[in-house]
Amino acid sequence: MAEPASTTAGIAIAASTITLTGSILGVQYDALLAGLAGGLVSLSYLPAMTLVRIAGSVAGSSLLAGYFAPLIALGIANYFPFAAQAGDGMRLASAAGLGLGAQVIIPTALAWLRRKGGE
């Protein structure tokens, strides 16, 4: 019986930490959570990594989703007017998609920046 209580406490601590981080960084915490969930799902498709790389990867996917999901949702609503009816669902779907793809997006963007910096 102690196990469900400890996982519930862990979830409550994680949710409150993400909420606090979102308020400090100025991003919406539900986008951070959607990016976190996407990052966790994408870990199952990646090769084995150290614990530090896993934490950095999931944190990076959460932050990428938190900052860029509103911009992507706004762009989608601008170019596809019928998608504007989705409201916050479009932003959360964008955050989850960014969280899923962050392990590919971030290294590709860094390689592009290194290539441009070397020219």
N, C-alpha and C. Protein backbone atom coordinates (compact mmCIF):
# COMPACT_ATOMS: atom_id res chain seq x y z
N MET A 1 0.80 -1.20 0.00
CA MET A 1 0.00 0.00 0.00
C MET A 1 0.84 1.26 0.00
N ALA A 2 2.09 1.18 0.36
CA ALA A 2 2.91 2.38 0.40
C ALA A 2 3.31 2.83 -1.01
N GLU A 3 3.34 1.93 -1.95
CA GLU A 3 3.80 2.28 -3.30
C GLU A 3 2.89 3.28 -4.01
N PRO A 4 1.55 3.11 -4.06
CA PRO A 4 0.74 4.13 -4.74
C PRO A 4 0.84 5.51 -4.11
N ALA A 5 0.99 5.57 -2.81
CA ALA A 5 1.11 6.87 -2.15
C ALA A 5 2.41 7.55 -2.53
N SER A 6 3.48 6.77 -2.63
CA SER A 6 4.75 7.38 -2.98
C SER A 6 4.76 7.86 -4.43
N THR A 7 4.13 7.11 -5.35
CA THR A 7 4.09 7.57 -6.73
C THR A 7 3.17 8.78 -6.85
N THR A 8 2.10 8.82 -6.09
CA THR A 8 1.22 9.98 -6.10
C THR A 8 1.96 11.20 -5.57
N ALA A 9 2.74 11.01 -4.52
CA ALA A 9 3.53 12.12 -3.99
C ALA A 9 4.58 12.57 -5.00
N GLY A 10 5.19 11.62 -5.69
CA GLY A 10 6.17 11.96 -6.71
C GLY A 10 5.56 12.73 -7.86
N ILE A 11 4.37 12.32 -8.28
CA ILE A 11 3.67 13.03 -9.35
C ILE A 11 3.29 14.43 -8.90
N ALA A 12 2.85 14.56 -7.67
CA ALA A 12 2.48 15.88 -7.15
C ALA A 12 3.70 16.79 -7.07
N ILE A 13 4.84 16.25 -6.65
CA ILE A 13 6.06 17.05 -6.58
C ILE A 13 6.50 17.46 -7.98
N ALA A 14 6.46 16.52 -8.93
CA ALA A 14 6.87 16.84 -10.31
C ALA A 14 5.94 17.89 -10.93
N ALA A 15 4.64 17.74 -10.72
CA ALA A 15 3.70 18.71 -11.29
C ALA A 15 3.88 20.09 -10.67
N SER A 16 4.10 20.14 -9.37
CA SER A 16 4.30 21.46 -8.74
C SER A 16 5.63 22.07 -9.17
N THR A 17 6.66 21.24 -9.38
CA THR A 17 7.94 21.76 -9.86
C THR A 17 7.81 22.32 -11.27
N ILE A 18 7.08 21.61 -12.14
CA ILE A 18 6.89 22.09 -13.50
C ILE A 18 6.05 23.36 -13.50
N THR A 19 5.05 23.43 -12.64
CA THR A 19 4.24 24.64 -12.54
C THR A 19 5.09 25.82 -12.08
N LEU A 20 5.93 25.61 -11.09
CA LEU A 20 6.80 26.66 -10.59
C LEU A 20 7.81 27.08 -11.66
N THR A 21 8.39 26.11 -12.35
CA THR A 21 9.34 26.40 -13.42
C THR A 21 8.66 27.18 -14.54
N GLY A 22 7.44 26.78 -14.88
CA GLY A 22 6.71 27.50 -15.92
C GLY A 22 6.42 28.93 -15.54
N SER A 23 6.11 29.17 -14.28
CA SER A 23 5.84 30.54 -13.87
C SER A 23 7.12 31.37 -13.82
N ILE A 24 8.24 30.76 -13.49
CA ILE A 24 9.51 31.49 -13.47
C ILE A 24 9.98 31.80 -14.88
N LEU A 25 9.88 30.81 -15.78
CA LEU A 25 10.36 30.98 -17.15
C LEU A 25 9.37 31.73 -18.03
N GLY A 26 8.15 31.85 -17.60
CA GLY A 26 7.15 32.58 -18.37
C GLY A 26 6.48 31.76 -19.46
N VAL A 27 6.45 30.45 -19.31
CA VAL A 27 5.78 29.59 -20.29
C VAL A 27 4.61 28.89 -19.60
N GLN A 28 3.71 28.38 -20.41
CA GLN A 28 2.54 27.71 -19.86
C GLN A 28 2.92 26.29 -19.43
N TYR A 29 2.52 25.93 -18.22
CA TYR A 29 2.96 24.66 -17.68
C TYR A 29 2.34 23.47 -18.39
N ASP A 30 1.15 23.63 -18.98
CA ASP A 30 0.58 22.48 -19.69
C ASP A 30 1.37 22.17 -20.96
N ALA A 31 1.96 23.18 -21.58
CA ALA A 31 2.83 22.93 -22.73
C ALA A 31 4.12 22.25 -22.27
N LEU A 32 4.64 22.63 -21.10
CA LEU A 32 5.81 21.95 -20.56
C LEU A 32 5.50 20.48 -20.27
N LEU A 33 4.33 20.22 -19.71
CA LEU A 33 3.97 18.83 -19.41
C LEU A 33 3.77 18.02 -20.69
N ALA A 34 3.17 18.62 -21.71
CA ALA A 34 2.99 17.91 -22.98
C ALA A 34 4.34 17.63 -23.63
N GLY A 35 5.26 18.58 -23.57
CA GLY A 35 6.61 18.35 -24.08
C GLY A 35 7.36 17.30 -23.29
N LEU A 36 7.15 17.29 -21.99
CA LEU A 36 7.76 16.27 -21.14
C LEU A 36 7.24 14.89 -21.51
N ALA A 37 5.94 14.78 -21.71
CA ALA A 37 5.36 13.49 -22.09
C ALA A 37 5.89 13.05 -23.46
N GLY A 38 5.98 13.97 -24.41
CA GLY A 38 6.53 13.63 -25.71
C GLY A 38 7.98 13.21 -25.63
N GLY A 39 8.75 13.89 -24.78
CA GLY A 39 10.16 13.53 -24.60
C GLY A 39 10.32 12.16 -23.97
N LEU A 40 9.44 11.82 -23.04
CA LEU A 40 9.51 10.50 -22.41
C LEU A 40 9.15 9.40 -23.40
N VAL A 41 8.17 9.66 -24.24
CA VAL A 41 7.79 8.66 -25.24
C VAL A 41 8.92 8.45 -26.24
N SER A 42 9.57 9.54 -26.65
CA SER A 42 10.64 9.40 -27.66
C SER A 42 11.87 8.70 -27.10
N LEU A 43 12.03 8.66 -25.78
CA LEU A 43 13.18 7.95 -25.20
C LEU A 43 13.15 6.46 -25.52
N SER A 44 11.97 5.91 -25.72
CA SER A 44 11.90 4.48 -26.01
C SER A 44 12.43 4.15 -27.39
N TYR A 45 12.61 5.14 -28.25
CA TYR A 45 13.12 4.92 -29.60
C TYR A 45 14.58 5.29 -29.75
N LEU A 46 15.21 5.72 -28.67
CA LEU A 46 16.60 6.15 -28.72
C LEU A 46 17.51 5.06 -28.16
N PRO A 47 18.79 5.06 -28.56
CA PRO A 47 19.72 4.08 -27.98
C PRO A 47 19.96 4.39 -26.50
N ALA A 48 20.59 3.47 -25.83
CA ALA A 48 20.86 3.63 -24.40
C ALA A 48 21.74 4.85 -24.15
N MET A 49 21.37 5.60 -23.11
CA MET A 49 22.11 6.81 -22.75
C MET A 49 22.35 6.81 -21.25
N THR A 50 23.25 7.70 -20.82
CA THR A 50 23.48 7.85 -19.40
C THR A 50 22.31 8.63 -18.79
N LEU A 51 22.22 8.58 -17.49
CA LEU A 51 21.13 9.25 -16.78
C LEU A 51 21.18 10.76 -16.98
N VAL A 52 22.37 11.33 -17.05
CA VAL A 52 22.51 12.78 -17.25
C VAL A 52 22.02 13.17 -18.64
N ARG A 53 22.36 12.37 -19.66
CA ARG A 53 21.89 12.67 -21.02
C ARG A 53 20.39 12.50 -21.13
N ILE A 54 19.83 11.51 -20.43
CA ILE A 54 18.38 11.31 -20.45
C ILE A 54 17.69 12.52 -19.83
N ALA A 55 18.18 12.97 -18.68
CA ALA A 55 17.57 14.13 -18.01
C ALA A 55 17.70 15.38 -18.88
N GLY A 56 18.85 15.57 -19.49
CA GLY A 56 19.03 16.73 -20.36
C GLY A 56 18.15 16.67 -21.60
N SER A 57 17.98 15.48 -22.14
CA SER A 57 17.15 15.30 -23.32
C SER A 57 15.68 15.60 -23.01
N VAL A 58 15.21 15.08 -21.90
CA VAL A 58 13.81 15.31 -21.53
C VAL A 58 13.58 16.76 -21.14
N ALA A 59 14.52 17.36 -20.43
CA ALA A 59 14.39 18.77 -20.07
C ALA A 59 14.42 19.66 -21.31
N GLY A 60 15.30 19.32 -22.25
CA GLY A 60 15.37 20.09 -23.49
C GLY A 60 14.10 19.99 -24.31
N SER A 61 13.53 18.79 -24.38
CA SER A 61 12.28 18.64 -25.13
C SER A 61 11.13 19.37 -24.46
N SER A 62 11.12 19.38 -23.14
CA SER A 62 10.07 20.11 -22.43
C SER A 62 10.19 21.62 -22.64
N LEU A 63 11.41 22.14 -22.56
CA LEU A 63 11.61 23.58 -22.76
C LEU A 63 11.35 23.99 -24.21
N LEU A 64 11.78 23.16 -25.16
CA LEU A 64 11.52 23.45 -26.56
C LEU A 64 10.01 23.53 -26.81
N ALA A 65 9.29 22.58 -26.26
CA ALA A 65 7.84 22.57 -26.43
C ALA A 65 7.19 23.75 -25.72
N GLY A 66 7.67 24.09 -24.54
CA GLY A 66 7.07 25.20 -23.80
C GLY A 66 7.22 26.53 -24.50
N TYR A 67 8.37 26.75 -25.13
CA TYR A 67 8.61 28.04 -25.78
C TYR A 67 8.05 28.12 -27.19
N PHE A 68 8.11 27.04 -27.96
CA PHE A 68 7.77 27.14 -29.37
C PHE A 68 6.40 26.59 -29.74
N ALA A 69 5.73 25.86 -28.87
CA ALA A 69 4.40 25.35 -29.19
C ALA A 69 3.38 26.46 -29.44
N PRO A 70 3.36 27.55 -28.65
CA PRO A 70 2.40 28.61 -28.97
C PRO A 70 2.65 29.24 -30.34
N LEU A 71 3.92 29.38 -30.72
CA LEU A 71 4.22 29.94 -32.04
C LEU A 71 3.76 29.02 -33.16
N ILE A 72 3.99 27.73 -33.00
CA ILE A 72 3.57 26.77 -34.03
C ILE A 72 2.05 26.72 -34.12
N ALA A 73 1.37 26.73 -32.98
CA ALA A 73 -0.09 26.71 -32.99
C ALA A 73 -0.65 27.97 -33.64
N LEU A 74 -0.02 29.10 -33.39
CA LEU A 74 -0.46 30.35 -34.01
C LEU A 74 -0.23 30.31 -35.51
N GLY A 75 0.91 29.78 -35.94
CA GLY A 75 1.18 29.65 -37.37
C GLY A 75 0.21 28.72 -38.07
N ILE A 76 -0.10 27.61 -37.43
CA ILE A 76 -1.06 26.66 -38.01
C ILE A 76 -2.43 27.31 -38.12
N ALA A 77 -2.84 28.03 -37.09
CA ALA A 77 -4.15 28.69 -37.13
C ALA A 77 -4.18 29.80 -38.17
N ASN A 78 -3.02 30.43 -38.44
CA ASN A 78 -2.97 31.48 -39.44
C ASN A 78 -3.05 30.92 -40.86
N TYR A 79 -2.34 29.83 -41.12
CA TYR A 79 -2.31 29.27 -42.46
C TYR A 79 -3.49 28.34 -42.75
N PHE A 80 -4.05 27.74 -41.72
CA PHE A 80 -5.20 26.85 -41.88
C PHE A 80 -6.32 27.36 -40.97
N PRO A 81 -7.18 28.24 -41.45
CA PRO A 81 -8.19 28.86 -40.59
C PRO A 81 -9.13 27.86 -39.91
N PHE A 82 -9.37 26.72 -40.53
CA PHE A 82 -10.26 25.75 -39.90
C PHE A 82 -9.63 25.17 -38.63
N ALA A 83 -8.31 25.22 -38.50
CA ALA A 83 -7.64 24.69 -37.32
C ALA A 83 -7.74 25.63 -36.12
N ALA A 84 -8.16 26.87 -36.35
CA ALA A 84 -8.28 27.83 -35.25
C ALA A 84 -9.37 27.42 -34.27
N GLN A 85 -10.30 26.59 -34.70
CA GLN A 85 -11.38 26.14 -33.82
C GLN A 85 -10.87 25.17 -32.75
N ALA A 86 -9.69 24.61 -32.94
CA ALA A 86 -9.16 23.65 -31.97
C ALA A 86 -8.76 24.32 -30.67
N GLY A 87 -8.43 25.60 -30.71
CA GLY A 87 -8.09 26.34 -29.50
C GLY A 87 -6.82 25.84 -28.84
N ASP A 88 -6.89 25.56 -27.54
CA ASP A 88 -5.72 25.09 -26.80
C ASP A 88 -5.29 23.69 -27.21
N GLY A 89 -6.17 22.94 -27.80
CA GLY A 89 -5.81 21.60 -28.25
C GLY A 89 -4.70 21.62 -29.29
N MET A 90 -4.71 22.64 -30.14
CA MET A 90 -3.66 22.77 -31.15
C MET A 90 -2.32 23.07 -30.49
N ARG A 91 -2.33 23.91 -29.47
CA ARG A 91 -1.08 24.23 -28.77
C ARG A 91 -0.52 23.02 -28.04
N LEU A 92 -1.40 22.26 -27.40
CA LEU A 92 -0.95 21.07 -26.69
C LEU A 92 -0.46 19.98 -27.64
N ALA A 93 -1.13 19.85 -28.78
CA ALA A 93 -0.68 18.88 -29.78
C ALA A 93 0.67 19.31 -30.36
N SER A 94 0.86 20.60 -30.56
CA SER A 94 2.15 21.10 -31.04
C SER A 94 3.24 20.85 -30.00
N ALA A 95 2.92 21.04 -28.73
CA ALA A 95 3.90 20.81 -27.67
C ALA A 95 4.29 19.34 -27.60
N ALA A 96 3.31 18.45 -27.71
CA ALA A 96 3.61 17.02 -27.68
C ALA A 96 4.44 16.62 -28.90
N GLY A 97 4.13 17.18 -30.05
CA GLY A 97 4.90 16.88 -31.25
C GLY A 97 6.32 17.39 -31.16
N LEU A 98 6.50 18.58 -30.59
CA LEU A 98 7.85 19.10 -30.39
C LEU A 98 8.62 18.26 -29.38
N GLY A 99 7.93 17.80 -28.34
CA GLY A 99 8.58 16.93 -27.37
C GLY A 99 9.02 15.61 -27.99
N LEU A 100 8.19 15.09 -28.88
CA LEU A 100 8.55 13.84 -29.57
C LEU A 100 9.74 14.03 -30.50
N GLY A 101 9.78 15.14 -31.19
CA GLY A 101 10.83 15.36 -32.18
C GLY A 101 12.04 16.11 -31.69
N ALA A 102 12.06 16.48 -30.42
CA ALA A 102 13.15 17.31 -29.90
C ALA A 102 14.50 16.61 -29.98
N GLN A 103 14.52 15.30 -29.82
CA GLN A 103 15.79 14.58 -29.87
C GLN A 103 16.40 14.58 -31.27
N VAL A 104 15.63 14.93 -32.27
CA VAL A 104 16.14 15.08 -33.63
C VAL A 104 16.30 16.56 -33.97
N ILE A 105 15.36 17.39 -33.52
CA ILE A 105 15.37 18.82 -33.86
C ILE A 105 16.58 19.53 -33.24
N ILE A 106 16.85 19.29 -31.98
CA ILE A 106 17.92 20.01 -31.29
C ILE A 106 19.30 19.69 -31.88
N PRO A 107 19.68 18.40 -32.05
CA PRO A 107 21.00 18.14 -32.66
C PRO A 107 21.11 18.65 -34.10
N THR A 108 20.02 18.59 -34.87
CA THR A 108 20.05 19.11 -36.23
C THR A 108 20.26 20.62 -36.23
N ALA A 109 19.58 21.33 -35.35
CA ALA A 109 19.73 22.78 -35.26
C ALA A 109 21.14 23.16 -34.80
N LEU A 110 21.70 22.41 -33.85
CA LEU A 110 23.06 22.71 -33.40
C LEU A 110 24.08 22.45 -34.50
N ALA A 111 23.91 21.38 -35.27
CA ALA A 111 24.81 21.10 -36.39
C ALA A 111 24.71 22.18 -37.45
N TRP A 112 23.50 22.66 -37.71
CA TRP A 112 23.32 23.74 -38.68
C TRP A 112 24.01 25.02 -38.21
N LEU A 113 23.88 25.32 -36.91
CA LEU A 113 24.55 26.51 -36.36
C LEU A 113 26.06 26.38 -36.44
N ARG A 114 26.60 25.19 -36.16
CA ARG A 114 28.05 24.99 -36.26
C ARG A 114 28.53 25.14 -37.70
N ARG A 115 27.74 24.62 -38.63
CA ARG A 115 28.09 24.73 -40.04
C ARG A 115 28.07 26.19 -40.49
N LYS A 116 27.07 26.94 -40.08
CA LYS A 116 26.97 28.36 -40.44
C LYS A 116 28.06 29.18 -39.76
N GLY A 117 28.44 28.80 -38.55
CA GLY A 117 29.48 29.52 -37.83
C GLY A 117 30.85 29.28 -38.43
N GLY A 118 31.06 28.13 -39.06
CA GLY A 118 32.33 27.81 -39.67
C GLY A 118 32.56 28.45 -41.01
N GLU A 119 31.51 28.99 -41.62
CA GLU A 119 31.65 29.60 -42.95
C GLU A 119 32.25 30.97 -42.89
